[in-house]
C-alpha atoms as a PDB file:
ATOM      1  CA  MET A   1       6.851  15.396 125.185  1.00  0.00           C
ATOM      2  CA  ILE A   2       6.898  13.497 128.486  1.00  0.00           C
ATOM      3  CA  LYS A   3       3.107  13.363 128.456  1.00  0.00           C
ATOM      4  CA  ARG A   4       3.122  11.776 124.959  1.00  0.00           C
ATOM      5  CA  MET A   5       5.782   9.301 126.035  1.00  0.00           C
ATOM      6  CA  GLY A   6       3.718   8.383 129.096  1.00  0.00           C
ATOM      7  CA  MET A   7       0.641   7.801 126.897  1.00  0.00           C
ATOM      8  CA  PHE A   8       2.695   5.648 124.543  1.00  0.00           C
ATOM      9  CA  VAL A   9       3.992   3.485 127.424  1.00  0.00           C
ATOM     10  CA  LEU A  10       0.479   3.209 128.881  1.00  0.00           C
ATOM     11  CA  MET A  11      -0.992   2.124 125.523  1.00  0.00           C
ATOM     12  CA  PHE A  12       1.837  -0.363 125.023  1.00  0.00           C
ATOM     13  CA  VAL A  13       1.229  -1.950 128.447  1.00  0.00           C
ATOM     14  CA  VAL A  14      -2.536  -2.072 127.866  1.00  0.00           C
ATOM     15  CA  GLY A  15      -1.920  -3.719 124.480  1.00  0.00           C
ATOM     16  CA  LEU A  16       0.317  -6.342 126.042  1.00  0.00           C
ATOM     17  CA  LEU A  17      -2.266  -7.133 128.714  1.00  0.00           C
ATOM     18  CA  VAL A  18      -5.099  -7.387 126.187  1.00  0.00           C
ATOM     19  CA  GLY A  19      -2.969  -9.631 123.934  1.00  0.00           C
ATOM     20  CA  ALA A  20      -1.973 -11.895 126.818  1.00  0.00           C
ATOM     21  CA  GLY A  21      -5.592 -12.081 127.965  1.00  0.00           C
ATOM     22  CA  GLY A  22      -6.660 -13.032 124.452  1.00  0.00           C
ATOM     23  CA  ILE A  23      -4.160 -15.868 124.340  1.00  0.00           C
ATOM     24  CA  VAL A  24      -5.112 -17.166 127.792  1.00  0.00           C
ATOM     25  CA  GLU A  25      -8.871 -16.938 127.207  1.00  0.00           C
ATOM     26  CA  GLY A  26      -9.127 -17.494 123.464  1.00  0.00           C
ATOM     27  CA  PHE A  27      -6.324 -19.937 122.758  1.00  0.00           C
ATOM     28  CA  PRO A  28      -5.316 -21.710 125.985  1.00  0.00           C
ATOM     29  CA  ALA A  29      -3.882 -24.592 123.943  1.00  0.00           C
ATOM     30  CA  LEU A  30      -1.059 -22.276 122.848  1.00  0.00           C
ATOM     31  CA  LEU A  31       0.102 -22.110 126.448  1.00  0.00           C
ATOM     32  CA  SER A  32      -0.338 -25.783 127.318  1.00  0.00           C
ATOM     33  CA  HIS A  33       0.882 -27.497 124.120  1.00  0.00           C
ATOM     34  CA  LYS A  34       3.640 -29.956 124.839  1.00  0.00           C
ATOM     35  CA  PRO A  35       5.778 -31.005 121.894  1.00  0.00           C
ATOM     36  CA  ALA A  36       6.329 -34.701 121.270  1.00  0.00           C
ATOM     37  CA  PRO A  37       9.146 -35.944 123.459  1.00  0.00           C
ATOM     38  CA  ILE A  38      12.592 -36.370 121.998  1.00  0.00           C
ATOM     39  CA  VAL A  39      13.420 -40.040 122.215  1.00  0.00           C
ATOM     40  CA  GLU A  40      16.559 -40.917 124.073  1.00  0.00           C
ATOM     41  CA  ALA A  41      16.698 -44.387 122.568  1.00  0.00           C
ATOM     42  CA  ALA A  42      19.393 -46.936 123.000  1.00  0.00           C
ATOM     43  CA  PRO A  43      21.783 -47.043 120.078  1.00  0.00           C
ATOM     44  CA  PHE A  44      20.102 -48.112 116.856  1.00  0.00           C
ATOM     45  CA  ASN A  45      19.588 -51.877 116.779  1.00  0.00           C
ATOM     46  CA  ARG A  46      18.727 -53.578 113.474  1.00  0.00           C
ATOM     47  CA  LEU A  47      17.194 -56.539 115.288  1.00  0.00           C
ATOM     48  CA  THR A  48      14.505 -54.455 116.987  1.00  0.00           C
ATOM     49  CA  ALA A  49      14.061 -51.708 114.387  1.00  0.00           C
ATOM     50  CA  VAL A  50      10.801 -51.462 112.473  1.00  0.00           C
ATOM     51  CA  PRO A  51      10.720 -50.945 108.690  1.00  0.00           C
ATOM     52  CA  VAL A  52       8.718 -47.998 107.346  1.00  0.00           C
ATOM     53  CA  THR A  53       8.026 -47.388 103.646  1.00  0.00           C
ATOM     54  CA  TYR A  54       6.770 -44.309 101.832  1.00  0.00           C
ATOM     55  CA  THR A  55       5.748 -44.820  98.217  1.00  0.00           C
ATOM     56  CA  GLY A  56       4.909 -42.363  95.475  1.00  0.00           C
ATOM     57  CA  LEU A  57       6.774 -39.351  96.868  1.00  0.00           C
ATOM     58  CA  GLN A  58       6.946 -36.612  94.235  1.00  0.00           C
ATOM     59  CA  SER A  59       8.159 -33.034  94.237  1.00  0.00           C
ATOM     60  CA  ASN A  60       9.547 -30.368  91.986  1.00  0.00           C
ATOM     61  CA  LEU A  61      13.240 -29.776  92.426  1.00  0.00           C
ATOM     62  CA  SER A  62      14.728 -26.349  93.072  1.00  0.00           C
ATOM     63  CA  GLY A  63      14.318 -24.204  89.968  1.00  0.00           C
ATOM     64  CA  GLY A  64      11.012 -25.834  89.020  1.00  0.00           C
ATOM     65  CA  GLN A  65      12.147 -27.307  85.692  1.00  0.00           C
ATOM     66  CA  HIS A  66      12.767 -30.848  86.986  1.00  0.00           C
ATOM     67  CA  TYR A  67      11.022 -33.132  89.419  1.00  0.00           C
ATOM     68  CA  LEU A  68      11.844 -36.085  91.616  1.00  0.00           C
ATOM     69  CA  SER A  69       9.681 -39.176  92.065  1.00  0.00           C
ATOM     70  CA  TYR A  70      10.786 -41.845  94.523  1.00  0.00           C
ATOM     71  CA  SER A  71       9.915 -44.413  97.149  1.00  0.00           C
ATOM     72  CA  LEU A  72      11.715 -44.609 100.459  1.00  0.00           C
ATOM     73  CA  THR A  73      12.257 -47.418 102.958  1.00  0.00           C
ATOM     74  CA  PHE A  74      14.015 -46.957 106.286  1.00  0.00           C
ATOM     75  CA  SER A  75      14.273 -48.579 109.693  1.00  0.00           C
ATOM     76  CA  VAL A  76      13.321 -46.763 112.871  1.00  0.00           C
ATOM     77  CA  MET A  77      13.381 -47.741 116.527  1.00  0.00           C
ATOM     78  CA  PRO A  78       9.919 -48.710 117.828  1.00  0.00           C
ATOM     79  CA  GLU A  79      10.376 -46.386 120.831  1.00  0.00           C
ATOM     80  CA  ALA A  80      10.717 -43.451 118.432  1.00  0.00           C
ATOM     81  CA  LEU A  81       7.479 -44.403 116.676  1.00  0.00           C
ATOM     82  CA  ALA A  82       5.683 -44.869 119.993  1.00  0.00           C
ATOM     83  CA  ALA A  83       6.888 -41.453 121.218  1.00  0.00           C
ATOM     84  CA  GLN A  84       5.238 -39.911 118.143  1.00  0.00           C
ATOM     85  CA  GLY A  85       2.029 -41.900 118.730  1.00  0.00           C
ATOM     86  CA  ALA A  86       2.470 -44.294 115.806  1.00  0.00           C
ATOM     87  CA  THR A  87       3.234 -47.883 115.000  1.00  0.00           C
ATOM     88  CA  ALA A  88       4.466 -49.182 111.681  1.00  0.00           C
ATOM     89  CA  PRO A  89       1.967 -51.230 109.691  1.00  0.00           C
ATOM     90  CA  ALA A  90       2.413 -54.964 109.510  1.00  0.00           C
ATOM     91  CA  SER A  91       4.885 -55.994 106.864  1.00  0.00           C
ATOM     92  CA  GLY A  92       3.238 -56.895 103.598  1.00  0.00           C
ATOM     93  CA  SER A  93       0.100 -54.891 104.444  1.00  0.00           C
ATOM     94  CA  GLY A  94       0.496 -52.809 101.283  1.00  0.00           C
ATOM     95  CA  THR A  95       0.152 -49.544 103.182  1.00  0.00           C
ATOM     96  CA  SER A  96       2.609 -46.685 103.144  1.00  0.00           C
ATOM     97  CA  GLY A  97       3.888 -44.763 106.146  1.00  0.00           C
ATOM     98  CA  THR A  98       3.719 -45.142 109.901  1.00  0.00           C
ATOM     99  CA  GLY A  99      -0.017 -45.594 110.268  1.00  0.00           C
ATOM    100  CA  ASP A 100      -0.474 -42.159 111.872  1.00  0.00           C
ATOM    101  CA  PRO A 101      -1.791 -39.594 109.342  1.00  0.00           C
ATOM    102  CA  GLU A 102      -0.406 -36.605 111.257  1.00  0.00           C
ATOM    103  CA  LEU A 103       3.071 -38.108 111.578  1.00  0.00           C
ATOM    104  CA  ASP A 104       3.008 -39.229 107.935  1.00  0.00           C
ATOM    105  CA  ALA A 105       2.127 -35.695 106.847  1.00  0.00           C
ATOM    106  CA  LYS A 106       5.015 -34.337 108.930  1.00  0.00           C
ATOM    107  CA  VAL A 107       7.476 -36.793 107.346  1.00  0.00           C
ATOM    108  CA  GLU A 108       6.186 -36.220 103.807  1.00  0.00           C
ATOM    109  CA  ASN A 109       6.278 -32.427 104.233  1.00  0.00           C
ATOM    110  CA  GLY A 110       9.872 -32.629 105.440  1.00  0.00           C
ATOM    111  CA  LEU A 111      10.847 -34.772 102.466  1.00  0.00           C
ATOM    112  CA  VAL A 112       9.058 -32.510  99.971  1.00  0.00           C
ATOM    113  CA  SER A 113      10.761 -29.444 101.466  1.00  0.00           C
ATOM    114  CA  LEU A 114      14.110 -31.171 101.114  1.00  0.00           C
ATOM    115  CA  ALA A 115      13.459 -32.031  97.458  1.00  0.00           C
ATOM    116  CA  ARG A 116      12.329 -28.480  96.712  1.00  0.00           C
ATOM    117  CA  SER A 117      15.593 -27.141  98.099  1.00  0.00           C
ATOM    118  CA  THR A 118      17.691 -29.572  96.032  1.00  0.00           C
ATOM    119  CA  SER A 119      18.631 -28.742  92.465  1.00  0.00           C
ATOM    120  CA  TYR A 120      18.699 -31.175  89.563  1.00  0.00           C
ATOM    121  CA  GLN A 121      22.433 -30.543  89.199  1.00  0.00           C
ATOM    122  CA  GLN A 122      23.067 -31.389  92.868  1.00  0.00           C
ATOM    123  CA  LEU A 123      21.051 -34.590  92.594  1.00  0.00           C
ATOM    124  CA  THR A 124      22.615 -35.807  89.337  1.00  0.00           C
ATOM    125  CA  SER A 125      26.218 -34.866  90.168  1.00  0.00           C
ATOM    126  CA  ALA A 126      28.729 -37.493  91.303  1.00  0.00           C
ATOM    127  CA  GLY A 127      27.652 -38.553  94.790  1.00  0.00           C
ATOM    128  CA  GLY A 128      24.446 -36.522  94.544  1.00  0.00           C
ATOM    129  CA  GLU A 129      22.142 -39.394  95.482  1.00  0.00           C
ATOM    130  CA  ASP A 130      24.326 -40.244  98.502  1.00  0.00           C
ATOM    131  CA  THR A 131      24.234 -36.611  99.626  1.00  0.00           C
ATOM    132  CA  PHE A 132      20.447 -36.590  99.219  1.00  0.00           C
ATOM    133  CA  LYS A 133      20.216 -39.814 101.245  1.00  0.00           C
ATOM    134  CA  ALA A 134      22.256 -38.213 104.056  1.00  0.00           C
ATOM    135  CA  GLU A 135      19.952 -35.186 104.007  1.00  0.00           C
ATOM    136  CA  VAL A 136      16.890 -37.482 104.121  1.00  0.00           C
ATOM    137  CA  SER A 137      18.441 -39.101 107.193  1.00  0.00           C
ATOM    138  CA  LEU A 138      18.761 -35.679 108.851  1.00  0.00           C
ATOM    139  CA  VAL A 139      15.095 -34.899 108.103  1.00  0.00           C
ATOM    140  CA  LEU A 140      13.965 -38.231 109.566  1.00  0.00           C
ATOM    141  CA  GLN A 141      16.159 -37.894 112.646  1.00  0.00           C
ATOM    142  CA  SER A 142      14.810 -34.391 113.262  1.00  0.00           C
ATOM    143  CA  ILE A 143      11.353 -35.966 113.443  1.00  0.00           C
ATOM    144  CA  PHE A 144      12.024 -39.308 115.188  1.00  0.00           C
ATOM    145  CA  GLY A 145      15.043 -38.315 117.266  1.00  0.00           C
ATOM    146  CA  PRO A 146      18.807 -38.562 116.853  1.00  0.00           C
ATOM    147  CA  GLY A 147      20.158 -42.078 116.458  1.00  0.00           C
ATOM    148  CA  THR A 148      16.720 -43.665 115.960  1.00  0.00           C
ATOM    149  CA  VAL A 149      16.785 -44.054 112.157  1.00  0.00           C
ATOM    150  CA  GLY A 150      18.852 -46.716 110.421  1.00  0.00           C
ATOM    151  CA  ASP A 151      19.570 -47.583 106.819  1.00  0.00           C
ATOM    152  CA  ILE A 152      17.683 -45.724 104.105  1.00  0.00           C
ATOM    153  CA  TYR A 153      16.880 -47.298 100.736  1.00  0.00           C
ATOM    154  CA  PHE A 154      15.313 -45.937  97.571  1.00  0.00           C
ATOM    155  CA  PRO A 155      13.398 -48.824  95.897  1.00  0.00           C
ATOM    156  CA  SER A 156      12.562 -46.372  93.103  1.00  0.00           C
ATOM    157  CA  PHE A 157      14.279 -43.091  92.286  1.00  0.00           C
ATOM    158  CA  MET A 158      13.621 -41.090  89.150  1.00  0.00           C
ATOM    159  CA  THR A 159      14.408 -37.520  88.151  1.00  0.00           C
ATOM    160  CA  GLN A 160      13.258 -35.751  85.043  1.00  0.00           C
END
């Protein structure tokens, strides 16, 4: 019994060493990846904030029988955009997003996940759109940093 237990411990230790060696040699980026810094910005300031717009956002709602199609405009502190490696496009440029495809994908994925977890009944109930707006704010602040996102507007908002 002790001999079997000793073999088990030996195999476990060898497995750990081989796995660690594989990570170090095969995927060193896993050990050196540094997440984007959390921005400790000054309190949100409308005068210096940058507008960002996402158009044509669409997703099924929870339950799969209804969907949501909307556009979103919000203000974000330029330091928060810079910390994520992006700058907002010039106003009137006709483009959607921050100008950084990776950051835009992160924002859009967060918004789609939020819509998929929201039911049609939640969205169409009294105060449902305001609740959704508050949840959108939480998604954006989880990406750009707390206190870096200002007012959120829905230029278009349609459920079916």
